[in-house]
């Protein structure tokens, strides 16, 4: 099924604007993976980097899980793709032979569905404990938009290297 990416609303309330932009970037990552083979999803960007589209999807899954489950709802859920990286990143970038692109995309979509459900009844100003302080849902949305925007740029370059496709 082709991915539909809706343009974020140009004149909406704050919550709708934040949700629209986050969904737009989520869809951008999905579009960068659309139509690729397993080998293409595992294609390394440019050595010495080991960054791949599949790794970006797995990382996005871990980030969704971290912010919308561990932080927002204090849910005690383990990492899906191994422990967080030693550099403090949420992990997921490393590929495993036992996880296919199809599986990773399905797991990512499931985490997004849980994120939406966890956010649905919360006010943007509602806080959750985070490293000895309080973080708002507004801050989490803004952080996630930045996270996805950064990785959408990576995904665009990787996709262009794979088959020359740019844009979307």
N, C-alpha and C. Protein backbone atom coordinates (compact mmCIF):
# COMPACT_ATOMS: atom_id res chain seq x y z
N UNK A 1 0.84 -1.17 0.00
CA UNK A 1 0.00 0.00 0.00
C UNK A 1 0.89 1.24 0.00
N UNK A 2 0.70 2.14 -0.96
CA UNK A 2 1.52 3.36 -1.02
C UNK A 2 1.30 4.22 0.23
N UNK A 3 2.35 4.89 0.62
CA UNK A 3 2.31 5.74 1.80
C UNK A 3 1.79 7.11 1.40
N UNK A 4 0.81 7.58 2.13
CA UNK A 4 0.26 8.92 1.91
C UNK A 4 0.87 9.84 2.96
N UNK A 5 1.50 10.91 2.50
CA UNK A 5 2.08 11.87 3.43
C UNK A 5 1.30 13.17 3.31
N UNK A 6 0.55 13.48 4.36
CA UNK A 6 -0.28 14.70 4.36
C UNK A 6 0.56 15.90 4.77
N UNK A 7 0.39 16.99 4.05
CA UNK A 7 1.06 18.24 4.41
C UNK A 7 0.52 18.72 5.75
N UNK A 8 1.41 19.09 6.68
CA UNK A 8 0.93 19.60 7.97
C UNK A 8 0.03 20.82 7.78
N UNK A 9 -0.99 20.88 8.60
CA UNK A 9 -1.95 21.97 8.54
C UNK A 9 -1.24 23.31 8.68
N UNK A 10 -1.65 24.27 7.87
CA UNK A 10 -1.04 25.60 7.89
C UNK A 10 -1.66 26.53 8.92
N UNK A 11 -2.81 26.15 9.45
CA UNK A 11 -3.51 27.04 10.37
C UNK A 11 -4.30 26.21 11.37
N UNK A 12 -3.59 25.58 12.29
CA UNK A 12 -4.23 24.71 13.26
C UNK A 12 -3.79 25.08 14.67
N UNK A 13 -4.45 24.50 15.64
CA UNK A 13 -4.05 24.73 17.03
C UNK A 13 -2.69 24.06 17.27
N UNK A 14 -2.10 24.36 18.40
CA UNK A 14 -0.74 23.90 18.69
C UNK A 14 -0.62 22.38 18.66
N UNK A 15 -1.52 21.68 19.30
CA UNK A 15 -1.42 20.23 19.37
C UNK A 15 -1.50 19.61 17.97
N UNK A 16 -2.46 20.05 17.19
CA UNK A 16 -2.62 19.53 15.83
C UNK A 16 -1.37 19.81 15.01
N UNK A 17 -0.81 21.00 15.16
CA UNK A 17 0.41 21.36 14.44
C UNK A 17 1.55 20.42 14.81
N UNK A 18 1.76 20.19 16.10
CA UNK A 18 2.83 19.30 16.55
C UNK A 18 2.61 17.87 16.05
N UNK A 19 1.39 17.38 16.18
CA UNK A 19 1.09 16.02 15.73
C UNK A 19 1.25 15.89 14.22
N UNK A 20 0.79 16.89 13.47
CA UNK A 20 0.92 16.87 12.01
C UNK A 20 2.37 16.82 11.57
N UNK A 21 3.22 17.66 12.19
CA UNK A 21 4.62 17.67 11.80
C UNK A 21 5.32 16.37 12.17
N UNK A 22 5.02 15.81 13.34
CA UNK A 22 5.62 14.54 13.72
C UNK A 22 5.19 13.44 12.74
N UNK A 23 3.91 13.40 12.41
CA UNK A 23 3.44 12.40 11.44
C UNK A 23 4.06 12.61 10.06
N UNK A 24 4.26 13.86 9.67
CA UNK A 24 4.86 14.15 8.37
C UNK A 24 6.27 13.57 8.30
N UNK A 25 7.03 13.73 9.36
CA UNK A 25 8.39 13.19 9.37
C UNK A 25 8.39 11.66 9.51
N UNK A 26 7.45 11.12 10.27
CA UNK A 26 7.33 9.66 10.32
C UNK A 26 7.06 9.12 8.92
N UNK A 27 6.13 9.75 8.22
CA UNK A 27 5.80 9.32 6.86
C UNK A 27 6.98 9.50 5.91
N UNK A 28 7.78 10.53 6.13
CA UNK A 28 8.96 10.75 5.30
C UNK A 28 9.92 9.57 5.42
N UNK A 29 10.16 9.10 6.64
CA UNK A 29 11.03 7.94 6.83
C UNK A 29 10.44 6.71 6.15
N UNK A 30 9.14 6.51 6.29
CA UNK A 30 8.49 5.37 5.63
C UNK A 30 8.63 5.45 4.12
N UNK A 31 8.46 6.65 3.56
CA UNK A 31 8.60 6.83 2.11
C UNK A 31 10.02 6.53 1.62
N UNK A 32 11.00 6.85 2.44
CA UNK A 32 12.39 6.58 2.05
C UNK A 32 12.67 5.08 1.99
N UNK A 33 11.87 4.29 2.71
CA UNK A 33 12.05 2.83 2.73
C UNK A 33 11.14 2.13 1.73
N UNK A 34 10.16 2.84 1.22
CA UNK A 34 9.15 2.24 0.36
C UNK A 34 9.75 1.65 -0.92
N UNK A 35 9.35 0.43 -1.23
CA UNK A 35 9.73 -0.20 -2.48
C UNK A 35 11.14 -0.77 -2.52
N UNK A 36 11.84 -0.78 -1.41
CA UNK A 36 13.21 -1.29 -1.40
C UNK A 36 13.25 -2.76 -0.99
N UNK A 37 14.25 -3.45 -1.48
CA UNK A 37 14.48 -4.84 -1.10
C UNK A 37 15.13 -4.90 0.27
N UNK A 38 15.19 -6.09 0.82
CA UNK A 38 15.87 -6.30 2.10
C UNK A 38 17.33 -5.85 2.01
N UNK A 39 18.00 -6.22 0.95
CA UNK A 39 19.41 -5.82 0.78
C UNK A 39 19.55 -4.31 0.69
N UNK A 40 18.64 -3.65 0.00
CA UNK A 40 18.71 -2.20 -0.11
C UNK A 40 18.48 -1.51 1.24
N UNK A 41 17.54 -2.04 2.03
CA UNK A 41 17.30 -1.47 3.37
C UNK A 41 18.54 -1.60 4.25
N UNK A 42 19.37 -2.60 3.95
CA UNK A 42 20.58 -2.85 4.73
C UNK A 42 21.83 -2.21 4.12
N UNK A 43 21.66 -1.48 3.03
CA UNK A 43 22.79 -0.85 2.37
C UNK A 43 23.36 0.28 3.23
N UNK A 44 24.66 0.23 3.43
CA UNK A 44 25.36 1.23 4.24
C UNK A 44 25.44 2.54 3.46
N UNK A 45 25.29 3.64 4.18
CA UNK A 45 25.31 4.96 3.55
C UNK A 45 26.62 5.18 2.80
N UNK A 46 27.66 5.53 3.50
CA UNK A 46 28.97 5.76 2.91
C UNK A 46 30.01 5.37 3.96
N UNK A 47 30.85 4.37 3.66
CA UNK A 47 31.87 3.98 4.63
C UNK A 47 32.73 5.18 5.01
N UNK A 48 33.15 5.30 6.22
CA UNK A 48 33.13 4.28 7.26
C UNK A 48 31.83 4.21 8.05
N UNK A 49 30.86 5.04 7.75
CA UNK A 49 29.59 5.00 8.46
C UNK A 49 28.91 3.65 8.24
N UNK A 50 28.21 3.18 9.26
CA UNK A 50 27.43 1.95 9.14
C UNK A 50 25.94 2.24 9.10
N UNK A 51 25.57 3.50 8.91
CA UNK A 51 24.18 3.92 8.91
C UNK A 51 23.42 3.33 7.72
N UNK A 52 22.24 2.76 8.00
CA UNK A 52 21.37 2.18 6.97
C UNK A 52 19.94 2.65 7.19
N UNK A 53 19.10 2.49 6.18
CA UNK A 53 17.68 2.81 6.35
C UNK A 53 17.05 1.90 7.40
N UNK A 54 17.39 0.63 7.37
CA UNK A 54 16.85 -0.30 8.36
C UNK A 54 17.28 0.11 9.77
N UNK A 55 18.53 0.52 9.92
CA UNK A 55 19.00 1.00 11.21
C UNK A 55 18.26 2.25 11.67
N UNK A 56 17.95 3.12 10.73
CA UNK A 56 17.18 4.32 11.08
C UNK A 56 15.78 3.97 11.56
N UNK A 57 15.14 2.99 10.91
CA UNK A 57 13.80 2.55 11.33
C UNK A 57 13.88 1.94 12.73
N UNK A 58 14.87 1.10 12.96
CA UNK A 58 15.02 0.49 14.27
C UNK A 58 15.29 1.56 15.34
N UNK A 59 16.13 2.53 15.02
CA UNK A 59 16.42 3.62 15.95
C UNK A 59 15.15 4.42 16.24
N UNK A 60 14.39 4.73 15.21
CA UNK A 60 13.14 5.47 15.40
C UNK A 60 12.19 4.70 16.32
N UNK A 61 12.19 3.38 16.19
CA UNK A 61 11.37 2.53 17.05
C UNK A 61 11.81 2.69 18.50
N UNK A 62 13.10 2.63 18.73
CA UNK A 62 13.63 2.77 20.09
C UNK A 62 13.33 4.15 20.66
N UNK A 63 13.43 5.18 19.84
CA UNK A 63 13.17 6.54 20.30
C UNK A 63 11.69 6.72 20.64
N UNK A 64 10.81 6.21 19.78
CA UNK A 64 9.37 6.25 20.07
C UNK A 64 9.09 5.57 21.42
N UNK A 65 9.66 4.39 21.58
CA UNK A 65 9.46 3.60 22.80
C UNK A 65 9.97 4.37 24.01
N UNK A 66 11.13 4.95 23.88
CA UNK A 66 11.72 5.66 25.02
C UNK A 66 10.85 6.84 25.46
N UNK A 67 10.55 7.74 24.53
CA UNK A 67 9.87 8.98 24.91
C UNK A 67 8.39 8.80 25.21
N UNK A 68 7.70 7.99 24.42
CA UNK A 68 6.26 7.90 24.59
C UNK A 68 5.81 6.77 25.53
N UNK A 69 6.75 5.93 25.93
CA UNK A 69 6.40 4.87 26.88
C UNK A 69 7.21 4.99 28.17
N UNK A 70 8.53 4.95 28.06
CA UNK A 70 9.34 5.01 29.29
C UNK A 70 9.22 6.35 29.99
N UNK A 71 9.34 7.44 29.23
CA UNK A 71 9.30 8.77 29.85
C UNK A 71 7.86 9.22 30.08
N UNK A 72 7.05 9.25 29.05
CA UNK A 72 5.70 9.81 29.18
C UNK A 72 4.82 9.03 30.15
N UNK A 73 4.86 7.72 30.09
CA UNK A 73 3.95 6.91 30.92
C UNK A 73 4.67 6.12 32.01
N UNK A 74 5.99 6.26 32.11
CA UNK A 74 6.80 5.53 33.10
C UNK A 74 6.66 4.02 32.97
N UNK A 75 6.38 3.57 31.76
CA UNK A 75 6.26 2.14 31.51
C UNK A 75 7.65 1.51 31.50
N UNK A 76 7.78 0.38 32.14
CA UNK A 76 9.06 -0.33 32.21
C UNK A 76 9.14 -1.31 31.05
N UNK A 77 9.63 -0.83 29.90
CA UNK A 77 9.76 -1.69 28.73
C UNK A 77 11.22 -1.77 28.32
N UNK A 78 11.67 -2.96 27.97
CA UNK A 78 13.07 -3.12 27.57
C UNK A 78 13.31 -2.62 26.16
N UNK A 79 14.56 -2.39 25.80
CA UNK A 79 14.88 -2.07 24.42
C UNK A 79 14.50 -3.24 23.52
N UNK A 80 14.20 -2.95 22.28
CA UNK A 80 13.83 -3.99 21.32
C UNK A 80 15.08 -4.52 20.62
N UNK A 81 16.00 -3.64 20.28
CA UNK A 81 17.15 -4.01 19.46
C UNK A 81 18.46 -4.02 20.23
N UNK A 82 18.39 -4.20 21.51
CA UNK A 82 19.59 -4.26 22.32
C UNK A 82 19.70 -3.03 23.19
N UNK A 83 20.69 -3.03 24.08
CA UNK A 83 20.83 -1.90 25.01
C UNK A 83 21.17 -0.61 24.29
N UNK A 84 20.87 0.53 24.93
CA UNK A 84 21.27 1.81 24.34
C UNK A 84 22.77 1.83 24.08
N UNK A 85 23.14 2.60 23.09
CA UNK A 85 24.55 2.70 22.72
C UNK A 85 25.36 3.36 23.83
N UNK A 86 26.64 3.06 23.89
CA UNK A 86 27.51 3.62 24.92
C UNK A 86 27.63 5.14 24.80
N UNK A 87 27.32 5.69 23.62
CA UNK A 87 27.41 7.15 23.43
C UNK A 87 26.14 7.87 23.88
N UNK A 88 25.19 7.13 24.49
CA UNK A 88 23.99 7.75 25.01
C UNK A 88 22.82 7.74 24.06
N UNK A 89 23.03 7.34 22.81
CA UNK A 89 21.92 7.27 21.86
C UNK A 89 21.00 6.12 22.23
N UNK A 90 19.76 6.20 21.83
CA UNK A 90 18.78 5.18 22.18
C UNK A 90 19.03 3.84 21.51
N UNK A 91 19.96 3.77 20.60
CA UNK A 91 20.31 2.50 19.98
C UNK A 91 19.42 2.17 18.80
N UNK A 92 19.55 0.92 18.35
CA UNK A 92 18.77 0.44 17.23
C UNK A 92 19.49 0.52 15.90
N UNK A 93 20.57 1.25 15.83
CA UNK A 93 21.26 1.42 14.56
C UNK A 93 21.93 0.15 14.06
N UNK A 94 22.36 -0.71 14.97
CA UNK A 94 23.05 -1.94 14.59
C UNK A 94 22.06 -2.95 14.05
N UNK A 95 22.41 -3.57 12.93
CA UNK A 95 21.52 -4.54 12.30
C UNK A 95 21.77 -5.93 12.86
N UNK A 96 20.68 -6.71 12.89
CA UNK A 96 20.76 -8.10 13.31
C UNK A 96 20.23 -8.96 12.18
N UNK A 97 20.79 -10.15 12.04
CA UNK A 97 20.35 -11.07 10.99
C UNK A 97 18.93 -11.59 11.22
N UNK A 98 18.48 -11.60 12.47
CA UNK A 98 17.16 -12.17 12.79
C UNK A 98 16.02 -11.15 12.69
N UNK A 99 16.30 -9.93 12.23
CA UNK A 99 15.26 -8.91 12.09
C UNK A 99 15.22 -8.45 10.64
N UNK A 100 14.10 -8.69 9.98
CA UNK A 100 13.95 -8.27 8.59
C UNK A 100 13.43 -6.84 8.53
N UNK A 101 13.54 -6.26 7.36
CA UNK A 101 12.98 -4.93 7.16
C UNK A 101 11.49 -4.90 7.41
N UNK A 102 10.80 -5.91 6.93
CA UNK A 102 9.34 -6.00 7.14
C UNK A 102 9.01 -6.06 8.63
N UNK A 103 9.76 -6.86 9.38
CA UNK A 103 9.53 -6.95 10.82
C UNK A 103 9.80 -5.62 11.51
N UNK A 104 10.91 -5.00 11.15
CA UNK A 104 11.28 -3.73 11.77
C UNK A 104 10.25 -2.64 11.49
N UNK A 105 9.77 -2.58 10.25
CA UNK A 105 8.75 -1.58 9.91
C UNK A 105 7.45 -1.84 10.68
N UNK A 106 7.06 -3.10 10.83
CA UNK A 106 5.84 -3.44 11.57
C UNK A 106 6.00 -3.08 13.06
N UNK A 107 7.16 -3.35 13.62
CA UNK A 107 7.41 -3.01 15.02
C UNK A 107 7.40 -1.50 15.21
N UNK A 108 7.99 -0.78 14.29
CA UNK A 108 7.99 0.69 14.35
C UNK A 108 6.56 1.23 14.30
N UNK A 109 5.77 0.72 13.38
CA UNK A 109 4.38 1.18 13.27
C UNK A 109 3.59 0.87 14.54
N UNK A 110 3.87 -0.27 15.16
CA UNK A 110 3.19 -0.63 16.42
C UNK A 110 3.58 0.35 17.53
N UNK A 111 4.85 0.74 17.59
CA UNK A 111 5.27 1.72 18.60
C UNK A 111 4.63 3.08 18.35
N UNK A 112 4.48 3.45 17.08
CA UNK A 112 3.82 4.71 16.76
C UNK A 112 2.36 4.66 17.22
N UNK A 113 1.69 3.55 17.00
CA UNK A 113 0.29 3.41 17.44
C UNK A 113 0.19 3.55 18.96
N UNK A 114 1.11 2.93 19.68
CA UNK A 114 1.12 3.05 21.14
C UNK A 114 1.42 4.49 21.56
N UNK A 115 2.32 5.15 20.85
CA UNK A 115 2.64 6.55 21.16
C UNK A 115 1.39 7.42 21.00
N UNK A 116 0.69 7.23 19.92
CA UNK A 116 -0.54 8.02 19.69
C UNK A 116 -1.56 7.76 20.79
N UNK A 117 -1.72 6.51 21.18
CA UNK A 117 -2.67 6.17 22.25
C UNK A 117 -2.23 6.80 23.57
N UNK A 118 -0.95 6.77 23.87
CA UNK A 118 -0.45 7.34 25.12
C UNK A 118 -0.58 8.86 25.17
N UNK A 119 -0.54 9.50 24.03
CA UNK A 119 -0.63 10.96 23.97
C UNK A 119 -2.08 11.44 23.91
N UNK A 120 -2.96 10.61 23.43
CA UNK A 120 -4.32 11.02 23.12
C UNK A 120 -5.09 11.70 24.22
N UNK A 121 -4.90 11.28 25.46
CA UNK A 121 -5.67 11.86 26.57
C UNK A 121 -4.86 12.85 27.39
N UNK A 122 -3.66 13.12 26.98
CA UNK A 122 -2.80 14.01 27.75
C UNK A 122 -2.80 15.43 27.19
N UNK A 123 -2.75 16.37 28.09
CA UNK A 123 -2.62 17.78 27.73
C UNK A 123 -1.15 18.05 27.40
N UNK A 124 -0.89 18.97 26.50
CA UNK A 124 0.49 19.31 26.12
C UNK A 124 1.33 19.77 27.30
N UNK A 125 0.70 20.36 28.29
CA UNK A 125 1.42 20.88 29.45
C UNK A 125 1.63 19.85 30.55
N UNK A 126 1.00 18.69 30.41
CA UNK A 126 1.16 17.65 31.42
C UNK A 126 2.62 17.20 31.46
N UNK A 127 3.13 17.01 32.67
CA UNK A 127 4.54 16.67 32.81
C UNK A 127 4.73 15.21 33.25
N UNK A 128 5.93 14.75 32.98
CA UNK A 128 6.39 13.43 33.42
C UNK A 128 7.79 13.61 33.98
N UNK A 129 8.15 12.83 34.98
CA UNK A 129 9.51 12.93 35.53
C UNK A 129 10.55 12.52 34.50
N UNK A 130 11.65 13.27 34.48
CA UNK A 130 12.73 12.96 33.54
C UNK A 130 14.04 13.49 34.10
N UNK A 131 14.94 12.60 34.46
CA UNK A 131 16.27 12.94 34.97
C UNK A 131 16.23 14.01 36.06
N UNK A 132 15.38 13.81 37.05
CA UNK A 132 15.31 14.73 38.17
C UNK A 132 14.56 16.02 37.90
N UNK A 133 13.94 16.13 36.74
CA UNK A 133 13.15 17.32 36.39
C UNK A 133 11.80 16.85 35.86
N UNK A 134 11.07 17.74 35.26
CA UNK A 134 9.78 17.42 34.65
C UNK A 134 9.82 17.81 33.18
N UNK A 135 9.29 16.96 32.32
CA UNK A 135 9.24 17.24 30.89
C UNK A 135 7.78 17.22 30.45
N UNK A 136 7.42 18.17 29.60
CA UNK A 136 6.04 18.24 29.11
C UNK A 136 5.88 17.42 27.83
N UNK A 137 4.65 17.06 27.55
CA UNK A 137 4.36 16.40 26.28
C UNK A 137 4.71 17.33 25.13
N UNK A 138 4.51 18.62 25.28
CA UNK A 138 4.88 19.60 24.26
C UNK A 138 6.38 19.48 23.93
N UNK A 139 7.21 19.40 24.97
CA UNK A 139 8.65 19.27 24.79
C UNK A 139 8.98 17.96 24.08
N UNK A 140 8.31 16.88 24.46
CA UNK A 140 8.56 15.58 23.83
C UNK A 140 8.20 15.63 22.35
N UNK A 141 7.05 16.20 22.02
CA UNK A 141 6.68 16.34 20.60
C UNK A 141 7.74 17.14 19.84
N UNK A 142 8.16 18.25 20.42
CA UNK A 142 9.15 19.10 19.75
C UNK A 142 10.47 18.35 19.56
N UNK A 143 10.88 17.63 20.59
CA UNK A 143 12.11 16.84 20.49
C UNK A 143 11.98 15.77 19.41
N UNK A 144 10.85 15.09 19.36
CA UNK A 144 10.66 14.02 18.37
C UNK A 144 10.63 14.57 16.94
N UNK A 145 10.05 15.74 16.75
CA UNK A 145 10.07 16.37 15.43
C UNK A 145 11.52 16.62 15.00
N UNK A 146 12.33 17.16 15.91
CA UNK A 146 13.74 17.38 15.61
C UNK A 146 14.49 16.09 15.34
N UNK A 147 14.21 15.07 16.11
CA UNK A 147 14.84 13.76 15.94
C UNK A 147 14.55 13.20 14.55
N UNK A 148 13.27 13.20 14.19
CA UNK A 148 12.89 12.68 12.88
C UNK A 148 13.42 13.55 11.74
N UNK A 149 13.40 14.86 11.91
CA UNK A 149 13.89 15.75 10.85
C UNK A 149 15.36 15.47 10.56
N UNK A 150 16.13 15.32 11.62
CA UNK A 150 17.56 15.02 11.46
C UNK A 150 17.75 13.71 10.69
N UNK A 151 17.01 12.69 11.10
CA UNK A 151 17.18 11.38 10.45
C UNK A 151 16.52 11.31 9.08
N UNK A 152 15.55 12.16 8.81
CA UNK A 152 14.98 12.20 7.46
C UNK A 152 16.04 12.67 6.46
N UNK A 153 16.89 13.58 6.89
CA UNK A 153 18.00 14.01 6.03
C UNK A 153 18.97 12.88 5.76
N UNK A 154 19.28 12.11 6.80
CA UNK A 154 20.14 10.93 6.60
C UNK A 154 19.47 9.96 5.63
N UNK A 155 18.19 9.71 5.85
CA UNK A 155 17.45 8.76 5.01
C UNK A 155 17.44 9.21 3.55
N UNK A 156 17.29 10.50 3.33
CA UNK A 156 17.27 11.02 1.97
C UNK A 156 18.59 10.74 1.25
N UNK A 157 19.68 10.96 1.95
CA UNK A 157 21.00 10.72 1.34
C UNK A 157 21.24 9.22 1.08
N UNK A 158 20.82 8.39 2.03
CA UNK A 158 20.99 6.95 1.84
C UNK A 158 20.15 6.47 0.66
N UNK A 159 18.91 6.92 0.58
CA UNK A 159 18.03 6.50 -0.52
C UNK A 159 18.60 6.97 -1.86
N UNK A 160 19.11 8.17 -1.91
CA UNK A 160 19.70 8.66 -3.16
C UNK A 160 20.89 7.78 -3.56
N UNK A 161 21.67 7.35 -2.61
CA UNK A 161 22.82 6.48 -2.91
C UNK A 161 22.35 5.13 -3.43
N UNK A 162 21.24 4.62 -2.91
CA UNK A 162 20.75 3.30 -3.30
C UNK A 162 20.25 3.28 -4.74
N UNK A 163 19.34 4.23 -5.05
CA UNK A 163 18.72 4.15 -6.38
C UNK A 163 18.53 5.51 -7.06
N UNK A 164 19.14 6.54 -6.52
CA UNK A 164 19.04 7.86 -7.13
C UNK A 164 17.78 8.63 -6.82
N UNK A 165 16.86 8.02 -6.09
CA UNK A 165 15.59 8.70 -5.77
C UNK A 165 15.82 9.80 -4.75
N UNK A 166 15.31 10.98 -5.08
CA UNK A 166 15.40 12.11 -4.15
C UNK A 166 14.02 12.69 -3.97
N UNK A 167 13.93 13.59 -3.02
CA UNK A 167 12.66 14.27 -2.79
C UNK A 167 11.70 13.45 -1.98
N UNK A 168 10.46 13.74 -2.08
CA UNK A 168 9.27 13.25 -1.38
C UNK A 168 8.97 14.08 -0.18
